[in-house]
Amino acid sequence: MGDDAGFAEFMRGSADRLGRLAYLLTGDRHRAEDLTQDALARTYAAWPRVVHEDAYGYTRRVLVNLHIDWWRVRRRRERPASQPPARHDPDPAHVVAERDWAVRALGQLSRRERAVVALRYFADLTEAAVAQELGISIGTVKSTNARALARLRAAAAMTDNPMSTPDSQPVEERR
């Protein structure tokens, strides 16, 4: 297909980051692995064209579009988390608890809200770039982001949020 060594190098350098983005979008490790693998396979098929562009950006767009296609076809109803995470004492498991809390909180957002938050804050895209990737207006990105952040703040306030330890201030107050 062309520059196999170049694609292999690209894949080694970006697969983990794409996998984390896919996990944030799906909330399911196995689905994220499949999504990442499918996105990389499609990028490989288009590699001669993509190699001269922003290969990571192209693959990220493919990943997001595959995810959107998947949930459109399935039309599943969202399943809220069964229980909020329990408070953990600060120890090495605290990092795992924080990550678990964040994934559960993201899981309570709608698919569009989750995609906007993941692209905006994890992929560090501008509002315009998020709007372009999701095929929505910038105003929709802004309002969806505001709604998602409000829901995340409410979830943090209602649960025993492991994101702040007993001796620390909430994230918002530290700024």
Protein backbone atom coordinates (compact mmCIF):
# COMPACT_ATOMS: atom_id res chain seq x y z
CA MET A 1 0.00 0.00 0.00
CA GLY A 2 2.93 2.34 0.16
CA ASP A 3 5.01 3.51 3.08
CA ASP A 4 4.38 0.66 5.53
CA ALA A 5 7.28 1.67 7.77
CA GLY A 6 5.94 5.23 7.99
CA PHE A 7 2.50 3.99 8.95
CA ALA A 8 3.95 1.57 11.52
CA GLU A 9 5.86 4.45 13.12
CA PHE A 10 2.74 6.63 13.11
CA MET A 11 0.70 3.82 14.66
CA ARG A 12 3.24 3.19 17.44
CA GLY A 13 3.29 6.89 18.28
CA SER A 14 -0.44 7.54 18.30
CA ALA A 15 -2.28 4.29 19.09
CA ASP A 16 -2.24 4.81 22.88
CA ARG A 17 -3.52 8.39 22.63
CA LEU A 18 -6.24 7.35 20.17
CA GLY A 19 -7.17 4.46 22.46
CA ARG A 20 -7.59 6.80 25.43
CA LEU A 21 -9.79 9.11 23.35
CA ALA A 22 -11.86 6.14 22.20
CA TYR A 23 -12.24 5.01 25.83
CA LEU A 24 -13.45 8.45 26.84
CA LEU A 25 -15.98 8.39 24.00
CA THR A 26 -17.26 4.88 24.65
CA GLY A 27 -16.68 4.23 28.35
CA ASP A 28 -15.92 0.61 27.43
CA ARG A 29 -12.36 -0.68 27.11
CA HIS A 30 -13.17 -3.43 24.59
CA ARG A 31 -15.28 -1.15 22.40
CA ALA A 32 -12.49 1.46 22.57
CA GLU A 33 -9.91 -1.09 21.39
CA ASP A 34 -12.14 -2.11 18.48
CA LEU A 35 -12.82 1.52 17.60
CA THR A 36 -9.12 2.39 17.66
CA GLN A 37 -8.23 -0.62 15.55
CA ASP A 38 -10.94 0.21 12.98
CA ALA A 39 -9.80 3.85 12.79
CA LEU A 40 -6.18 2.80 12.27
CA ALA A 41 -7.21 0.26 9.61
CA ARG A 42 -9.10 2.94 7.69
CA THR A 43 -6.18 5.31 8.03
CA TYR A 44 -3.86 2.62 6.65
CA ALA A 45 -6.14 2.20 3.64
CA ALA A 46 -5.86 5.95 2.97
CA TRP A 47 -2.22 6.28 4.07
CA PRO A 48 -0.74 7.43 0.73
CA ARG A 49 -3.15 10.39 0.84
CA VAL A 50 -3.01 11.00 4.59
CA VAL A 51 0.76 10.84 5.09
CA HIS A 52 1.16 14.35 3.66
CA GLU A 53 -1.63 15.79 5.86
CA ASP A 54 -2.21 15.76 9.61
CA ALA A 55 -2.31 11.97 10.02
CA TYR A 56 -3.30 12.12 13.69
CA GLY A 57 -6.09 14.61 13.01
CA TYR A 58 -7.36 12.46 10.15
CA THR A 59 -7.33 9.32 12.28
CA ARG A 60 -9.04 11.14 15.17
CA ARG A 61 -11.82 12.28 12.82
CA VAL A 62 -12.20 8.72 11.52
CA LEU A 63 -12.39 7.44 15.11
CA VAL A 64 -15.06 9.98 16.10
CA ASN A 65 -17.09 9.34 12.95
CA LEU A 66 -16.94 5.57 13.48
CA HIS A 67 -18.15 6.08 17.04
CA ILE A 68 -21.02 8.31 15.91
CA ASP A 69 -22.00 5.77 13.23
CA TRP A 70 -21.93 2.97 15.80
CA TRP A 71 -24.29 4.64 18.26
CA ARG A 72 -26.60 5.90 15.53
CA VAL A 73 -27.04 2.37 14.22
CA ARG A 74 -27.49 0.85 17.65
CA ARG A 75 -29.82 3.58 18.98
CA ARG A 76 -29.19 2.33 22.47
CA ARG A 77 -30.61 4.04 25.46
CA GLU A 78 -28.07 5.45 27.87
CA ARG A 79 -27.50 3.51 31.05
CA PRO A 80 -26.73 5.61 34.10
CA ALA A 81 -24.15 4.34 36.53
CA SER A 82 -25.70 2.02 39.10
CA GLN A 83 -23.95 3.56 42.09
CA PRO A 84 -21.80 6.62 42.58
CA PRO A 85 -18.21 5.74 43.44
CA ALA A 86 -17.39 5.34 47.11
CA ARG A 87 -14.98 7.76 48.78
CA HIS A 88 -11.46 6.43 48.98
CA ASP A 89 -8.71 7.41 51.36
CA PRO A 90 -5.71 9.01 49.71
CA ASP A 91 -3.48 6.09 48.81
CA PRO A 92 -2.07 4.61 45.59
CA ALA A 93 -5.57 3.43 44.66
CA HIS A 94 -6.74 7.06 44.76
CA VAL A 95 -5.58 7.59 41.18
CA VAL A 96 -7.62 4.61 40.05
CA ALA A 97 -10.65 5.91 41.96
CA GLU A 98 -10.31 9.33 40.33
CA ARG A 99 -10.20 7.78 36.89
CA ASP A 100 -13.17 5.54 37.68
CA TRP A 101 -15.17 8.50 38.94
CA ALA A 102 -14.36 10.52 35.83
CA VAL A 103 -15.37 7.69 33.51
CA ARG A 104 -18.64 7.14 35.39
CA ALA A 105 -19.40 10.86 35.37
CA LEU A 106 -18.71 11.02 31.64
CA GLY A 107 -20.93 7.97 31.22
CA GLN A 108 -23.85 9.96 32.60
CA LEU A 109 -23.54 12.54 29.83
CA SER A 110 -25.30 12.18 26.50
CA ARG A 111 -23.19 10.88 23.64
CA ARG A 112 -22.90 14.35 22.11
CA GLU A 113 -21.95 15.92 25.46
CA ARG A 114 -19.34 13.22 26.04
CA ALA A 115 -17.91 13.69 22.54
CA VAL A 116 -17.71 17.48 22.97
CA VAL A 117 -16.03 17.21 26.38
CA ALA A 118 -13.57 14.53 25.22
CA LEU A 119 -12.61 16.43 22.07
CA ARG A 120 -12.50 19.83 23.77
CA TYR A 121 -10.51 18.89 26.88
CA PHE A 122 -8.77 15.59 26.18
CA ALA A 123 -7.91 16.16 22.53
CA ASP A 124 -7.44 19.88 23.31
CA LEU A 125 -9.36 21.05 20.26
CA THR A 126 -10.82 24.51 19.81
CA GLU A 127 -14.57 24.97 19.73
CA ALA A 128 -14.37 25.49 15.97
CA ALA A 129 -12.42 22.24 15.50
CA VAL A 130 -14.90 20.30 17.64
CA ALA A 131 -17.78 21.77 15.65
CA GLN A 132 -16.12 20.75 12.39
CA GLU A 133 -15.36 17.21 13.57
CA LEU A 134 -18.88 16.59 14.86
CA GLY A 135 -20.61 18.44 12.01
CA ILE A 136 -22.41 20.86 14.32
CA SER A 137 -22.33 24.64 14.79
CA ILE A 138 -19.93 26.39 17.16
CA GLY A 139 -22.94 27.62 19.15
CA THR A 140 -24.07 24.03 19.62
CA VAL A 141 -20.58 23.10 20.81
CA LYS A 142 -20.62 25.96 23.33
CA SER A 143 -24.08 25.19 24.69
CA THR A 144 -23.44 21.43 24.76
CA ASN A 145 -20.13 21.99 26.56
CA ALA A 146 -21.75 24.31 29.12
CA ARG A 147 -24.53 21.81 29.77
CA ALA A 148 -22.05 18.93 30.08
CA LEU A 149 -19.81 20.82 32.51
CA ALA A 150 -22.84 21.79 34.60
CA ARG A 151 -23.88 18.14 34.77
CA LEU A 152 -20.36 17.09 35.75
CA ARG A 153 -20.25 19.75 38.48
CA ALA A 154 -23.65 18.61 39.76
CA ALA A 155 -22.47 14.99 39.76
CA ALA A 156 -19.36 16.03 41.68
CA ALA A 157 -21.44 17.93 44.23
CA MET A 158 -23.95 15.11 44.72
CA THR A 159 -21.41 12.30 45.08
CA ASP A 160 -18.47 11.71 47.28
CA ASN A 161 -16.11 12.97 44.59
CA PRO A 162 -12.67 11.36 44.80
CA MET A 163 -11.34 14.19 42.64
CA SER A 164 -10.85 16.21 45.82
CA THR A 165 -9.31 14.89 49.00
CA PRO A 166 -10.64 15.84 52.44
CA ASP A 167 -7.76 18.26 52.98
CA SER A 168 -8.01 19.94 49.58
CA GLN A 169 -10.36 22.46 48.09
CA PRO A 170 -12.68 21.61 45.20
CA VAL A 171 -11.10 22.01 41.76
CA GLU A 172 -13.12 25.15 40.96
CA GLU A 173 -11.94 26.98 44.11
CA ARG A 174 -8.24 26.28 43.44
CA ARG A 175 -8.19 28.35 40.26
